[in-house]
Structures are given as C-alpha cells and as structure tokens.
C-alpha cells in the first residue's frame, strides 16, 4: 500500500496563510517540525501496512 503525503515537505511562506498550519501547542507553523514528525511516524506507518509514501518537491 502507498500513501500520497504531498504536504509533508512544504513550507508556506505566505504570511496571510501560514497561520492555517500552526501547531496547537505553539500557535506557530514549523516546517522542520512537520518533516521530523513525518519521519518519526514512518515506522508506525510501515507497521500498519504502508510499503511506500509519495512526497513532492
């Protein structure tokens, strides 16, 4: 099974929309945190049957 996770590697530089992605605990958007949390979740995804993910650059 493959999952398309295109938003995993994006950074919203638009100051008018950046707040839409803010984390509840910090109130700010952090693209590095987003990627790190994705990478940490990969092992769990694999345990649930994901064999591949699609990202976009």
PDB file of N, CA and C in Angstrom:
ATOM      1  N   UNK A   1       0.850  -1.169   0.000  1.00  0.00           N
ATOM      2  CA  UNK A   1       0.000   0.000   0.000  1.00  0.00           C
ATOM      3  C   UNK A   1       0.898   1.236   0.000  1.00  0.00           C
ATOM      4  N   UNK A   2       0.476   2.250  -0.739  1.00  0.00           N
ATOM      5  CA  UNK A   2       1.209   3.505  -0.864  1.00  0.00           C
ATOM      6  C   UNK A   2       0.310   4.638  -0.381  1.00  0.00           C
ATOM      7  N   UNK A   3       0.887   5.650   0.236  1.00  0.00           N
ATOM      8  CA  UNK A   3       0.138   6.821   0.664  1.00  0.00           C
ATOM      9  C   UNK A   3       0.761   8.067   0.049  1.00  0.00           C
ATOM     10  N   UNK A   4      -0.067   8.912  -0.473  1.00  0.00           N
ATOM     11  CA  UNK A   4       0.402  10.161  -1.077  1.00  0.00           C
ATOM     12  C   UNK A   4       0.407  11.241   0.006  1.00  0.00           C
ATOM     13  N   UNK A   5       1.580  11.667   0.423  1.00  0.00           N
ATOM     14  CA  UNK A   5       1.724  12.636   1.521  1.00  0.00           C
ATOM     15  C   UNK A   5       2.458  13.872   1.019  1.00  0.00           C
ATOM     16  N   UNK A   6       1.867  14.511   0.056  1.00  0.00           N
ATOM     17  CA  UNK A   6       2.496  15.643  -0.627  1.00  0.00           C
ATOM     18  C   UNK A   6       2.796  16.809   0.329  1.00  0.00           C
ATOM     19  N   UNK A   7       1.926  17.074   1.280  1.00  0.00           N
ATOM     20  CA  UNK A   7       2.108  18.240   2.157  1.00  0.00           C
ATOM     21  C   UNK A   7       3.203  18.042   3.199  1.00  0.00           C
ATOM     22  N   UNK A   8       3.774  16.882   3.252  1.00  0.00           N
ATOM     23  CA  UNK A   8       4.781  16.578   4.265  1.00  0.00           C
ATOM     24  C   UNK A   8       6.009  17.472   4.179  1.00  0.00           C
ATOM     25  N   UNK A   9       6.370  17.907   2.998  1.00  0.00           N
ATOM     26  CA  UNK A   9       7.630  18.630   2.827  1.00  0.00           C
ATOM     27  C   UNK A   9       7.443  20.088   2.409  1.00  0.00           C
ATOM     28  N   UNK A  10       6.277  20.652   2.642  1.00  0.00           N
ATOM     29  CA  UNK A  10       6.081  22.021   2.184  1.00  0.00           C
ATOM     30  C   UNK A  10       6.360  23.038   3.289  1.00  0.00           C
ATOM     31  N   UNK A  11       6.607  24.258   2.870  1.00  0.00           N
ATOM     32  CA  UNK A  11       6.719  25.379   3.789  1.00  0.00           C
ATOM     33  C   UNK A  11       5.912  26.518   3.202  1.00  0.00           C
ATOM     34  N   UNK A  12       4.933  26.979   3.930  1.00  0.00           N
ATOM     35  CA  UNK A  12       4.080  28.069   3.463  1.00  0.00           C
ATOM     36  C   UNK A  12       4.744  29.399   3.802  1.00  0.00           C
ATOM     37  N   UNK A  13       5.269  30.063   2.811  1.00  0.00           N
ATOM     38  CA  UNK A  13       5.937  31.351   3.022  1.00  0.00           C
ATOM     39  C   UNK A  13       4.978  32.531   2.958  1.00  0.00           C
ATOM     40  N   UNK A  14       3.731  32.275   2.612  1.00  0.00           N
ATOM     41  CA  UNK A  14       2.722  33.329   2.511  1.00  0.00           C
ATOM     42  C   UNK A  14       2.271  33.718   3.919  1.00  0.00           C
ATOM     43  N   UNK A  15       2.554  34.944   4.321  1.00  0.00           N
ATOM     44  CA  UNK A  15       2.224  35.383   5.676  1.00  0.00           C
ATOM     45  C   UNK A  15       0.716  35.412   5.934  1.00  0.00           C
ATOM     46  N   UNK A  16      -0.091  35.483   4.881  1.00  0.00           N
ATOM     47  CA  UNK A  16      -1.546  35.508   5.060  1.00  0.00           C
ATOM     48  C   UNK A  16      -2.132  34.118   5.286  1.00  0.00           C
ATOM     49  N   UNK A  17      -1.454  33.067   4.873  1.00  0.00           N
ATOM     50  CA  UNK A  17      -1.990  31.714   5.022  1.00  0.00           C
ATOM     51  C   UNK A  17      -1.161  30.833   5.952  1.00  0.00           C
ATOM     52  N   UNK A  18       0.006  31.270   6.309  1.00  0.00           N
ATOM     53  CA  UNK A  18       0.916  30.465   7.138  1.00  0.00           C
ATOM     54  C   UNK A  18       0.282  30.030   8.460  1.00  0.00           C
ATOM     55  N   UNK A  19      -0.519  30.877   9.052  1.00  0.00           N
ATOM     56  CA  UNK A  19      -1.136  30.569  10.349  1.00  0.00           C
ATOM     57  C   UNK A  19      -2.134  29.419  10.260  1.00  0.00           C
ATOM     58  N   UNK A  20      -2.600  29.089   9.071  1.00  0.00           N
ATOM     59  CA  UNK A  20      -3.544  27.971   8.905  1.00  0.00           C
ATOM     60  C   UNK A  20      -2.930  26.641   9.311  1.00  0.00           C
ATOM     61  N   UNK A  21      -1.606  26.563   9.281  1.00  0.00           N
ATOM     62  CA  UNK A  21      -0.915  25.297   9.559  1.00  0.00           C
ATOM     63  C   UNK A  21      -0.269  25.287  10.938  1.00  0.00           C
ATOM     64  N   UNK A  22      -0.579  26.283  11.753  1.00  0.00           N
ATOM     65  CA  UNK A  22       0.086  26.380  13.058  1.00  0.00           C
ATOM     66  C   UNK A  22      -0.267  25.198  13.961  1.00  0.00           C
ATOM     67  N   UNK A  23       0.702  24.834  14.777  1.00  0.00           N
ATOM     68  CA  UNK A  23       0.519  23.744  15.734  1.00  0.00           C
ATOM     69  C   UNK A  23      -0.255  24.261  16.945  1.00  0.00           C
ATOM     70  N   UNK A  24      -1.195  23.461  17.464  1.00  0.00           N
ATOM     71  CA  UNK A  24      -1.992  23.906  18.617  1.00  0.00           C
ATOM     72  C   UNK A  24      -1.155  24.212  19.856  1.00  0.00           C
ATOM     73  N   UNK A  25      -0.053  23.486  20.048  1.00  0.00           N
ATOM     74  CA  UNK A  25       0.742  23.680  21.259  1.00  0.00           C
ATOM     75  C   UNK A  25       1.640  24.904  21.214  1.00  0.00           C
ATOM     76  N   UNK A  26       1.981  25.373  20.007  1.00  0.00           N
ATOM     77  CA  UNK A  26       2.865  26.540  19.910  1.00  0.00           C
ATOM     78  C   UNK A  26       2.190  27.737  19.252  1.00  0.00           C
ATOM     79  N   UNK A  27       1.134  27.485  18.481  1.00  0.00           N
ATOM     80  CA  UNK A  27       0.460  28.561  17.768  1.00  0.00           C
ATOM     81  C   UNK A  27       1.225  29.043  16.554  1.00  0.00           C
ATOM     82  N   UNK A  28       2.284  28.323  16.184  1.00  0.00           N
ATOM     83  CA  UNK A  28       3.104  28.713  15.033  1.00  0.00           C
ATOM     84  C   UNK A  28       3.308  27.530  14.105  1.00  0.00           C
ATOM     85  N   UNK A  29       3.538  27.833  12.845  1.00  0.00           N
ATOM     86  CA  UNK A  29       3.861  26.824  11.848  1.00  0.00           C
ATOM     87  C   UNK A  29       5.369  26.579  11.874  1.00  0.00           C
ATOM     88  N   UNK A  30       5.765  25.307  11.870  1.00  0.00           N
ATOM     89  CA  UNK A  30       7.176  24.948  11.888  1.00  0.00           C
ATOM     90  C   UNK A  30       7.420  23.861  10.844  1.00  0.00           C
ATOM     91  N   UNK A  31       7.926  24.222   9.657  1.00  0.00           N
ATOM     92  CA  UNK A  31       8.114  23.230   8.601  1.00  0.00           C
ATOM     93  C   UNK A  31       9.133  22.147   8.969  1.00  0.00           C
ATOM     94  N   UNK A  32      10.141  22.479   9.737  1.00  0.00           N
ATOM     95  CA  UNK A  32      11.121  21.465  10.155  1.00  0.00           C
ATOM     96  C   UNK A  32      10.472  20.450  11.091  1.00  0.00           C
ATOM     97  N   UNK A  33       9.651  20.923  11.987  1.00  0.00           N
ATOM     98  CA  UNK A  33       8.919  20.022  12.886  1.00  0.00           C
ATOM     99  C   UNK A  33       8.000  19.113  12.070  1.00  0.00           C
ATOM    100  N   UNK A  34       7.352  19.664  11.079  1.00  0.00           N
ATOM    101  CA  UNK A  34       6.456  18.887  10.231  1.00  0.00           C
ATOM    102  C   UNK A  34       7.186  17.711   9.590  1.00  0.00           C
ATOM    103  N   UNK A  35       8.360  17.963   9.037  1.00  0.00           N
ATOM    104  CA  UNK A  35       9.141  16.900   8.394  1.00  0.00           C
ATOM    105  C   UNK A  35       9.643  15.897   9.437  1.00  0.00           C
ATOM    106  N   UNK A  36      10.117  16.381  10.569  1.00  0.00           N
ATOM    107  CA  UNK A  36      10.636  15.485  11.605  1.00  0.00           C
ATOM    108  C   UNK A  36       9.533  14.566  12.144  1.00  0.00           C
ATOM    109  N   UNK A  37       8.348  15.109  12.367  1.00  0.00           N
ATOM    110  CA  UNK A  37       7.252  14.290  12.870  1.00  0.00           C
ATOM    111  C   UNK A  37       6.820  13.267  11.819  1.00  0.00           C
ATOM    112  N   UNK A  38       6.873  13.650  10.566  1.00  0.00           N
ATOM    113  CA  UNK A  38       6.569  12.706   9.490  1.00  0.00           C
ATOM    114  C   UNK A  38       7.570  11.557   9.501  1.00  0.00           C
ATOM    115  N   UNK A  39       8.848  11.886   9.584  1.00  0.00           N
ATOM    116  CA  UNK A  39       9.878  10.848   9.571  1.00  0.00           C
ATOM    117  C   UNK A  39       9.738   9.924  10.782  1.00  0.00           C
ATOM    118  N   UNK A  40       9.385  10.479  11.928  1.00  0.00           N
ATOM    119  CA  UNK A  40       9.190   9.665  13.128  1.00  0.00           C
ATOM    120  C   UNK A  40       7.987   8.735  12.979  1.00  0.00           C
ATOM    121  N   UNK A  41       6.984   9.148  12.217  1.00  0.00           N
ATOM    122  CA  UNK A  41       5.774   8.346  12.031  1.00  0.00           C
ATOM    123  C   UNK A  41       5.935   7.251  10.981  1.00  0.00           C
ATOM    124  N   UNK A  42       6.987   7.308  10.176  1.00  0.00           N
ATOM    125  CA  UNK A  42       7.155   6.329   9.100  1.00  0.00           C
ATOM    126  C   UNK A  42       7.191   4.892   9.608  1.00  0.00           C
ATOM    127  N   UNK A  43       7.857   4.644  10.695  1.00  0.00           N
ATOM    128  CA  UNK A  43       7.945   3.290  11.223  1.00  0.00           C
ATOM    129  C   UNK A  43       6.552   2.788  11.619  1.00  0.00           C
ATOM    130  N   UNK A  44       5.770   3.637  12.224  1.00  0.00           N
ATOM    131  CA  UNK A  44       4.411   3.260  12.596  1.00  0.00           C
ATOM    132  C   UNK A  44       3.558   2.997  11.353  1.00  0.00           C
ATOM    133  N   UNK A  45       3.739   3.817  10.333  1.00  0.00           N
ATOM    134  CA  UNK A  45       3.005   3.619   9.077  1.00  0.00           C
ATOM    135  C   UNK A  45       3.339   2.258   8.487  1.00  0.00           C
ATOM    136  N   UNK A  46       4.598   1.901   8.524  1.00  0.00           N
ATOM    137  CA  UNK A  46       5.032   0.614   7.989  1.00  0.00           C
ATOM    138  C   UNK A  46       4.377  -0.540   8.748  1.00  0.00           C
ATOM    139  N   UNK A  47       4.273  -0.412  10.049  1.00  0.00           N
ATOM    140  CA  UNK A  47       3.635  -1.453  10.859  1.00  0.00           C
ATOM    141  C   UNK A  47       2.158  -1.621  10.512  1.00  0.00           C
ATOM    142  N   UNK A  48       1.556  -0.579   9.946  1.00  0.00           N
ATOM    143  CA  UNK A  48       0.144  -0.631   9.547  1.00  0.00           C
ATOM    144  C   UNK A  48      -0.033  -0.974   8.071  1.00  0.00           C
ATOM    145  N   UNK A  49       1.040  -1.393   7.416  1.00  0.00           N
ATOM    146  CA  UNK A  49       0.924  -1.895   6.062  1.00  0.00           C
ATOM    147  C   UNK A  49       1.384  -0.981   4.945  1.00  0.00           C
ATOM    148  N   UNK A  50       1.845   0.208   5.269  1.00  0.00           N
ATOM    149  CA  UNK A  50       2.337   1.098   4.222  1.00  0.00           C
ATOM    150  C   UNK A  50       3.715   0.636   3.773  1.00  0.00           C
ATOM    151  N   UNK A  51       3.866   0.411   2.504  1.00  0.00           N
ATOM    152  CA  UNK A  51       5.154  -0.009   1.956  1.00  0.00           C
ATOM    153  C   UNK A  51       5.898   1.153   1.309  1.00  0.00           C
ATOM    154  N   UNK A  52       5.173   2.223   1.006  1.00  0.00           N
ATOM    155  CA  UNK A  52       5.795   3.373   0.348  1.00  0.00           C
ATOM    156  C   UNK A  52       4.959   4.630   0.603  1.00  0.00           C
ATOM    157  N   UNK A  53       5.611   5.762   0.532  1.00  0.00           N
ATOM    158  CA  UNK A  53       4.921   7.052   0.582  1.00  0.00           C
ATOM    159  C   UNK A  53       5.404   7.887  -0.587  1.00  0.00           C
ATOM    160  N   UNK A  54       4.544   8.745  -1.080  1.00  0.00           N
ATOM    161  CA  UNK A  54       4.900   9.648  -2.162  1.00  0.00           C
ATOM    162  C   UNK A  54       4.988  11.047  -1.587  1.00  0.00           C
ATOM    163  N   UNK A  55       6.130  11.714  -1.789  1.00  0.00           N
ATOM    164  CA  UNK A  55       6.291  13.107  -1.389  1.00  0.00           C
ATOM    165  C   UNK A  55       6.571  13.927  -2.631  1.00  0.00           C
ATOM    166  N   UNK A  56       6.487  15.225  -2.497  1.00  0.00           N
ATOM    167  CA  UNK A  56       6.654  16.106  -3.645  1.00  0.00           C
ATOM    168  C   UNK A  56       7.637  17.215  -3.297  1.00  0.00           C
ATOM    169  N   UNK A  57       8.540  17.497  -4.209  1.00  0.00           N
ATOM    170  CA  UNK A  57       9.490  18.596  -4.015  1.00  0.00           C
ATOM    171  C   UNK A  57       9.317  19.617  -5.114  1.00  0.00           C
TER     172      UNK A  57
END
